[in-house]
């Protein structure tokens, strides 16, 4: 592992990071409880909406970015140079003014994203963060033992492949551009986007093969 990026400027105090919920999450949870008790919302419906944004709607934005980079070399170069602007050109911008950086997987290097202090995450391109991304075991072990963590996600990498771990902050968040799968020559951007998973854009997975996507 060749590089770690730390030095968060999150603006949270230490105790907040150790709590199960952030202040905002606690307020949302309390509001949800009150509304449920009054019979105004159905928790199952809320769970379904959250799951949709966590695994479907949100990651589709990032998938479009990756598919464009795979199919358009000029866009890929722009994404490498100024990911914030390139991503914004497709209509996706951070809500808090955070900057984006795209890191590209290669045959020799695999990139993995973590936020070691809390759960900074590129909402504009990936939607809601998965629960495991916020969990202390992932946040600590992704830095200490990234190869072992990836193996637990079912991603076995060769010993020759280097793993770079990128530490997201409130000001700078990362998008992994996975390698384009073989056998996708002639695919449209829409077809390519179908191969891009949320986990592949965090680095805990790779893009789907055309066969796996069917």
Foldseek 3Di string as FASTA:
>chain_A
DPDEDDDFPAPDDQVQLVDPDHPVRVVVVVVVVVCVVVVNDDVVVVVVVLCCQQWPDQQLLQLLLLLCVVVPVVLVVVLQVAVQVSSVVVPFHDPVQAGEHEDEDDPQEFEAEAALRAQDARCRRRNDHDPVRGDNVCSPCCVVPVQVLLVVLVDHDDPRHHYDYYHDHNRYHYWYNADQAPPCPPPDSVLSSLQDGSCCRRRSDHTHHSVRSD
